[in-house]
C-alpha cells in the first residue's frame, strides 16, 4: 500500500484559486504575523477563557509553534498545487475548467485537511460566521467558504477510500 495516493479531481481554475488562498494564508501565519488579528485568535483558540493568566501563559507557550505548523501544512498544499497554477488571464476557458487528478500522498492528507479547515476558519472570522445561522447563502462572499467546505469533504471522502 506504499504507492497508494489520495486522488482529488480539480479544475485548473480551482487549483489556481486555492493556491492564492493558501499563499494569503501563509502570509497571515508567516513570521511577520499580527497576533492581534482576530483570525490568528480563531486559529489558536483559548482553552482558558475564564482565566486570563492561564490563557496568556498557554498562548505564549503554544501559539507560535501552532502557527508555524500551520505554515508548514500550507506549504505542503501549495507544493501539491504547483502544476495547477498558471496565468489565468492567458488561459483558455477550456484549459481553466478542465479537471485534473491531484494526487496527495497519505502522509500529506492531514496537512491538507488542517489547511482547508484553517482557511475556512479565517474566512469565517472575516465574514463573522460563528454558527450556521450566521451564514447567508444569498451573499456571494460566502461562496468561497462553501467551496472550501466542499473541497474539504471531497478530500476526506478520497482519503477514506484508502482505508
C-alpha atoms as a PDB file:
ATOM      1  CA  UNK A   1       0.000   0.000   0.000  1.00  0.00           C
ATOM      2  CA  UNK A   2       3.068   2.267  -0.052  1.00  0.00           C
ATOM      3  CA  UNK A   3       2.212   3.511  -3.557  1.00  0.00           C
ATOM      4  CA  UNK A   4      -1.385   4.366  -2.620  1.00  0.00           C
ATOM      5  CA  UNK A   5      -2.306   8.023  -3.016  1.00  0.00           C
ATOM      6  CA  UNK A   6      -5.371  10.127  -2.442  1.00  0.00           C
ATOM      7  CA  UNK A   7      -6.780  11.401  -5.720  1.00  0.00           C
ATOM      8  CA  UNK A   8      -8.902  14.507  -5.921  1.00  0.00           C
ATOM      9  CA  UNK A   9     -10.265  15.942  -9.178  1.00  0.00           C
ATOM     10  CA  UNK A  10      -9.822  19.678  -9.506  1.00  0.00           C
ATOM     11  CA  UNK A  11     -10.172  22.144 -12.357  1.00  0.00           C
ATOM     12  CA  UNK A  12      -7.131  24.251 -13.030  1.00  0.00           C
ATOM     13  CA  UNK A  13      -9.011  27.427 -12.127  1.00  0.00           C
ATOM     14  CA  UNK A  14      -9.900  25.889  -8.764  1.00  0.00           C
ATOM     15  CA  UNK A  15      -6.294  24.916  -8.179  1.00  0.00           C
ATOM     16  CA  UNK A  16      -5.108  28.427  -9.002  1.00  0.00           C
ATOM     17  CA  UNK A  17      -7.697  29.984  -6.696  1.00  0.00           C
ATOM     18  CA  UNK A  18      -6.883  27.574  -3.883  1.00  0.00           C
ATOM     19  CA  UNK A  19      -3.177  28.261  -4.355  1.00  0.00           C
ATOM     20  CA  UNK A  20      -3.859  32.003  -3.997  1.00  0.00           C
ATOM     21  CA  UNK A  21      -5.846  31.404  -0.810  1.00  0.00           C
ATOM     22  CA  UNK A  22      -3.004  29.264   0.540  1.00  0.00           C
ATOM     23  CA  UNK A  23      -0.475  31.981  -0.335  1.00  0.00           C
ATOM     24  CA  UNK A  24      -2.604  34.549   1.505  1.00  0.00           C
ATOM     25  CA  UNK A  25      -2.909  32.181   4.456  1.00  0.00           C
ATOM     26  CA  UNK A  26       0.856  31.624   4.556  1.00  0.00           C
ATOM     27  CA  UNK A  27       1.310  35.381   4.710  1.00  0.00           C
ATOM     28  CA  UNK A  28      -1.183  35.600   7.599  1.00  0.00           C
ATOM     29  CA  UNK A  29       0.564  32.914   9.680  1.00  0.00           C
ATOM     30  CA  UNK A  30       4.088  33.690   8.485  1.00  0.00           C
ATOM     31  CA  UNK A  31       6.916  35.122  10.515  1.00  0.00           C
ATOM     32  CA  UNK A  32       5.524  38.679  10.362  1.00  0.00           C
ATOM     33  CA  UNK A  33       2.167  37.590  11.789  1.00  0.00           C
ATOM     34  CA  UNK A  34      -0.037  40.074  13.579  1.00  0.00           C
ATOM     35  CA  UNK A  35      -1.110  38.303  16.775  1.00  0.00           C
ATOM     36  CA  UNK A  36      -3.775  40.966  17.346  1.00  0.00           C
ATOM     37  CA  UNK A  37      -5.570  39.855  14.142  1.00  0.00           C
ATOM     38  CA  UNK A  38      -8.852  38.140  15.141  1.00  0.00           C
ATOM     39  CA  UNK A  39      -8.195  35.450  12.510  1.00  0.00           C
ATOM     40  CA  UNK A  40      -4.985  34.473  14.334  1.00  0.00           C
ATOM     41  CA  UNK A  41      -7.023  34.193  17.526  1.00  0.00           C
ATOM     42  CA  UNK A  42      -9.516  31.958  15.693  1.00  0.00           C
ATOM     43  CA  UNK A  43      -6.637  29.732  14.548  1.00  0.00           C
ATOM     44  CA  UNK A  44      -5.247  29.440  18.072  1.00  0.00           C
ATOM     45  CA  UNK A  45      -8.287  29.135  20.329  1.00  0.00           C
ATOM     46  CA  UNK A  46      -8.179  29.940  24.021  1.00  0.00           C
ATOM     47  CA  UNK A  47      -8.631  26.856  26.217  1.00  0.00           C
ATOM     48  CA  UNK A  48      -8.925  29.020  29.354  1.00  0.00           C
ATOM     49  CA  UNK A  49     -11.419  31.790  28.557  1.00  0.00           C
ATOM     50  CA  UNK A  50     -12.211  32.305  32.245  1.00  0.00           C
ATOM     51  CA  UNK A  51      -8.596  32.507  33.424  1.00  0.00           C
ATOM     52  CA  UNK A  52      -6.685  35.396  31.869  1.00  0.00           C
ATOM     53  CA  UNK A  53      -3.302  34.434  33.342  1.00  0.00           C
ATOM     54  CA  UNK A  54      -3.551  30.776  32.294  1.00  0.00           C
ATOM     55  CA  UNK A  55      -4.787  31.865  28.877  1.00  0.00           C
ATOM     56  CA  UNK A  56      -1.902  34.283  28.353  1.00  0.00           C
ATOM     57  CA  UNK A  57       0.607  31.674  29.524  1.00  0.00           C
ATOM     58  CA  UNK A  58      -0.835  28.981  27.265  1.00  0.00           C
ATOM     59  CA  UNK A  59      -0.930  31.295  24.234  1.00  0.00           C
ATOM     60  CA  UNK A  60       2.634  32.414  24.876  1.00  0.00           C
ATOM     61  CA  UNK A  61       3.846  28.819  25.090  1.00  0.00           C
ATOM     62  CA  UNK A  62       1.943  27.352  22.131  1.00  0.00           C
ATOM     63  CA  UNK A  63       0.757  29.945  19.594  1.00  0.00           C
ATOM     64  CA  UNK A  64       3.991  30.325  17.619  1.00  0.00           C
ATOM     65  CA  UNK A  65       4.520  26.566  17.304  1.00  0.00           C
ATOM     66  CA  UNK A  66       0.915  26.049  16.238  1.00  0.00           C
ATOM     67  CA  UNK A  67       1.070  28.807  13.630  1.00  0.00           C
ATOM     68  CA  UNK A  68       4.459  27.575  12.382  1.00  0.00           C
ATOM     69  CA  UNK A  69       2.923  24.131  11.880  1.00  0.00           C
ATOM     70  CA  UNK A  70       0.003  25.694  10.024  1.00  0.00           C
ATOM     71  CA  UNK A  71       2.502  27.482   7.743  1.00  0.00           C
ATOM     72  CA  UNK A  72       4.305  24.180   7.067  1.00  0.00           C
ATOM     73  CA  UNK A  73       0.999  22.461   6.312  1.00  0.00           C
ATOM     74  CA  UNK A  74       0.111  25.263   3.902  1.00  0.00           C
ATOM     75  CA  UNK A  75       3.462  24.856   2.159  1.00  0.00           C
ATOM     76  CA  UNK A  76       2.678  21.160   1.558  1.00  0.00           C
ATOM     77  CA  UNK A  77      -0.637  22.123  -0.060  1.00  0.00           C
ATOM     78  CA  UNK A  78       0.990  24.903  -2.069  1.00  0.00           C
ATOM     79  CA  UNK A  79       3.609  22.497  -3.431  1.00  0.00           C
ATOM     80  CA  UNK A  80       0.942  19.985  -4.461  1.00  0.00           C
ATOM     81  CA  UNK A  81      -0.935  22.714  -6.328  1.00  0.00           C
ATOM     82  CA  UNK A  82       2.109  23.848  -8.317  1.00  0.00           C
ATOM     83  CA  UNK A  83       1.065  22.022 -11.503  1.00  0.00           C
ATOM     84  CA  UNK A  84      -2.384  23.640 -11.469  1.00  0.00           C
ATOM     85  CA  UNK A  85      -1.103  27.180 -11.169  1.00  0.00           C
ATOM     86  CA  UNK A  86      -0.875  29.348 -14.202  1.00  0.00           C
ATOM     87  CA  UNK A  87      -1.729  32.712 -15.635  1.00  0.00           C
ATOM     88  CA  UNK A  88      -5.500  32.720 -15.547  1.00  0.00           C
ATOM     89  CA  UNK A  89      -5.550  35.774 -17.837  1.00  0.00           C
ATOM     90  CA  UNK A  90      -3.924  33.891 -20.725  1.00  0.00           C
ATOM     91  CA  UNK A  91      -5.552  30.513 -20.096  1.00  0.00           C
ATOM     92  CA  UNK A  92      -8.437  29.485 -22.325  1.00  0.00           C
ATOM     93  CA  UNK A  93     -11.760  28.691 -20.716  1.00  0.00           C
ATOM     94  CA  UNK A  94     -11.329  25.047 -21.709  1.00  0.00           C
ATOM     95  CA  UNK A  95      -7.924  24.896 -20.022  1.00  0.00           C
ATOM     96  CA  UNK A  96      -9.248  26.651 -16.933  1.00  0.00           C
ATOM     97  CA  UNK A  97     -12.166  24.288 -16.415  1.00  0.00           C
ATOM     98  CA  UNK A  98     -10.565  21.001 -17.440  1.00  0.00           C
ATOM     99  CA  UNK A  99     -10.318  18.795 -14.389  1.00  0.00           C
ATOM    100  CA  UNK A 100      -7.041  17.192 -13.397  1.00  0.00           C
ATOM    101  CA  UNK A 101      -6.183  14.475 -10.922  1.00  0.00           C
ATOM    102  CA  UNK A 102      -4.441  15.969  -7.950  1.00  0.00           C
ATOM    103  CA  UNK A 103      -2.518  13.330  -6.031  1.00  0.00           C
ATOM    104  CA  UNK A 104      -1.916  13.643  -2.323  1.00  0.00           C
ATOM    105  CA  UNK A 105       0.351  11.236  -0.508  1.00  0.00           C
ATOM    106  CA  UNK A 106      -1.175   9.612   2.569  1.00  0.00           C
ATOM    107  CA  UNK A 107       1.485  11.364   4.655  1.00  0.00           C
ATOM    108  CA  UNK A 108       0.243  14.752   3.390  1.00  0.00           C
ATOM    109  CA  UNK A 109      -3.502  14.218   3.823  1.00  0.00           C
ATOM    110  CA  UNK A 110      -3.579  15.595   7.368  1.00  0.00           C
ATOM    111  CA  UNK A 111      -1.767  18.750   6.233  1.00  0.00           C
ATOM    112  CA  UNK A 112      -4.413  19.202   3.540  1.00  0.00           C
ATOM    113  CA  UNK A 113      -7.273  18.701   5.979  1.00  0.00           C
ATOM    114  CA  UNK A 114      -5.769  21.086   8.525  1.00  0.00           C
ATOM    115  CA  UNK A 115      -5.079  23.726   5.862  1.00  0.00           C
ATOM    116  CA  UNK A 116      -8.536  23.596   4.297  1.00  0.00           C
ATOM    117  CA  UNK A 117     -10.081  23.782   7.768  1.00  0.00           C
ATOM    118  CA  UNK A 118      -7.823  26.682   8.759  1.00  0.00           C
ATOM    119  CA  UNK A 119      -8.742  28.563   5.580  1.00  0.00           C
ATOM    120  CA  UNK A 120     -12.416  28.141   6.456  1.00  0.00           C
ATOM    121  CA  UNK A 121     -11.760  29.406   9.984  1.00  0.00           C
ATOM    122  CA  UNK A 122     -10.044  32.540   8.668  1.00  0.00           C
ATOM    123  CA  UNK A 123     -12.836  33.219   6.191  1.00  0.00           C
ATOM    124  CA  UNK A 124     -15.450  32.550   8.878  1.00  0.00           C
ATOM    125  CA  UNK A 125     -13.735  35.106  11.090  1.00  0.00           C
ATOM    126  CA  UNK A 126     -13.619  37.658   8.281  1.00  0.00           C
ATOM    127  CA  UNK A 127     -17.322  37.124   7.479  1.00  0.00           C
ATOM    128  CA  UNK A 128     -18.473  36.922  11.094  1.00  0.00           C
ATOM    129  CA  UNK A 129     -19.586  33.293  10.923  1.00  0.00           C
ATOM    130  CA  UNK A 130     -19.853  31.765  14.374  1.00  0.00           C
ATOM    131  CA  UNK A 131     -22.745  29.381  13.733  1.00  0.00           C
ATOM    132  CA  UNK A 132     -24.826  28.084  10.836  1.00  0.00           C
ATOM    133  CA  UNK A 133     -27.298  30.909  11.486  1.00  0.00           C
ATOM    134  CA  UNK A 134     -24.608  33.451  10.520  1.00  0.00           C
ATOM    135  CA  UNK A 135     -24.272  32.006   7.035  1.00  0.00           C
ATOM    136  CA  UNK A 136     -26.086  33.822   4.251  1.00  0.00           C
ATOM    137  CA  UNK A 137     -26.278  31.586   1.145  1.00  0.00           C
ATOM    138  CA  UNK A 138     -27.515  34.548  -0.908  1.00  0.00           C
ATOM    139  CA  UNK A 139     -24.379  36.569  -0.148  1.00  0.00           C
ATOM    140  CA  UNK A 140     -21.732  35.794  -2.797  1.00  0.00           C
ATOM    141  CA  UNK A 141     -18.919  36.330  -0.267  1.00  0.00           C
ATOM    142  CA  UNK A 142     -19.909  33.074   1.391  1.00  0.00           C
ATOM    143  CA  UNK A 143     -19.236  31.127  -1.821  1.00  0.00           C
ATOM    144  CA  UNK A 144     -15.533  30.646  -1.090  1.00  0.00           C
ATOM    145  CA  UNK A 145     -16.360  29.444   2.424  1.00  0.00           C
ATOM    146  CA  UNK A 146     -18.836  26.916   0.999  1.00  0.00           C
ATOM    147  CA  UNK A 147     -16.443  25.855  -1.768  1.00  0.00           C
ATOM    148  CA  UNK A 148     -13.685  25.165   0.773  1.00  0.00           C
ATOM    149  CA  UNK A 149     -16.152  23.048   2.746  1.00  0.00           C
ATOM    150  CA  UNK A 150     -16.932  21.114  -0.432  1.00  0.00           C
ATOM    151  CA  UNK A 151     -13.202  20.635  -1.142  1.00  0.00           C
ATOM    152  CA  UNK A 152     -12.651  19.514   2.449  1.00  0.00           C
ATOM    153  CA  UNK A 153     -15.466  16.973   2.161  1.00  0.00           C
ATOM    154  CA  UNK A 154     -14.110  15.609  -1.143  1.00  0.00           C
ATOM    155  CA  UNK A 155     -10.635  15.256   0.343  1.00  0.00           C
ATOM    156  CA  UNK A 156     -11.995  13.378   3.363  1.00  0.00           C
ATOM    157  CA  UNK A 157     -14.003  11.054   1.111  1.00  0.00           C
ATOM    158  CA  UNK A 158     -10.978  10.387  -1.104  1.00  0.00           C
ATOM    159  CA  UNK A 159      -8.792   9.687   1.940  1.00  0.00           C
ATOM    160  CA  UNK A 160     -11.427   7.328   3.360  1.00  0.00           C
ATOM    161  CA  UNK A 161     -11.205   5.224   0.192  1.00  0.00           C
ATOM    162  CA  UNK A 162      -7.641   4.273   1.209  1.00  0.00           C
ATOM    163  CA  UNK A 163      -8.831   2.751   4.487  1.00  0.00           C
END
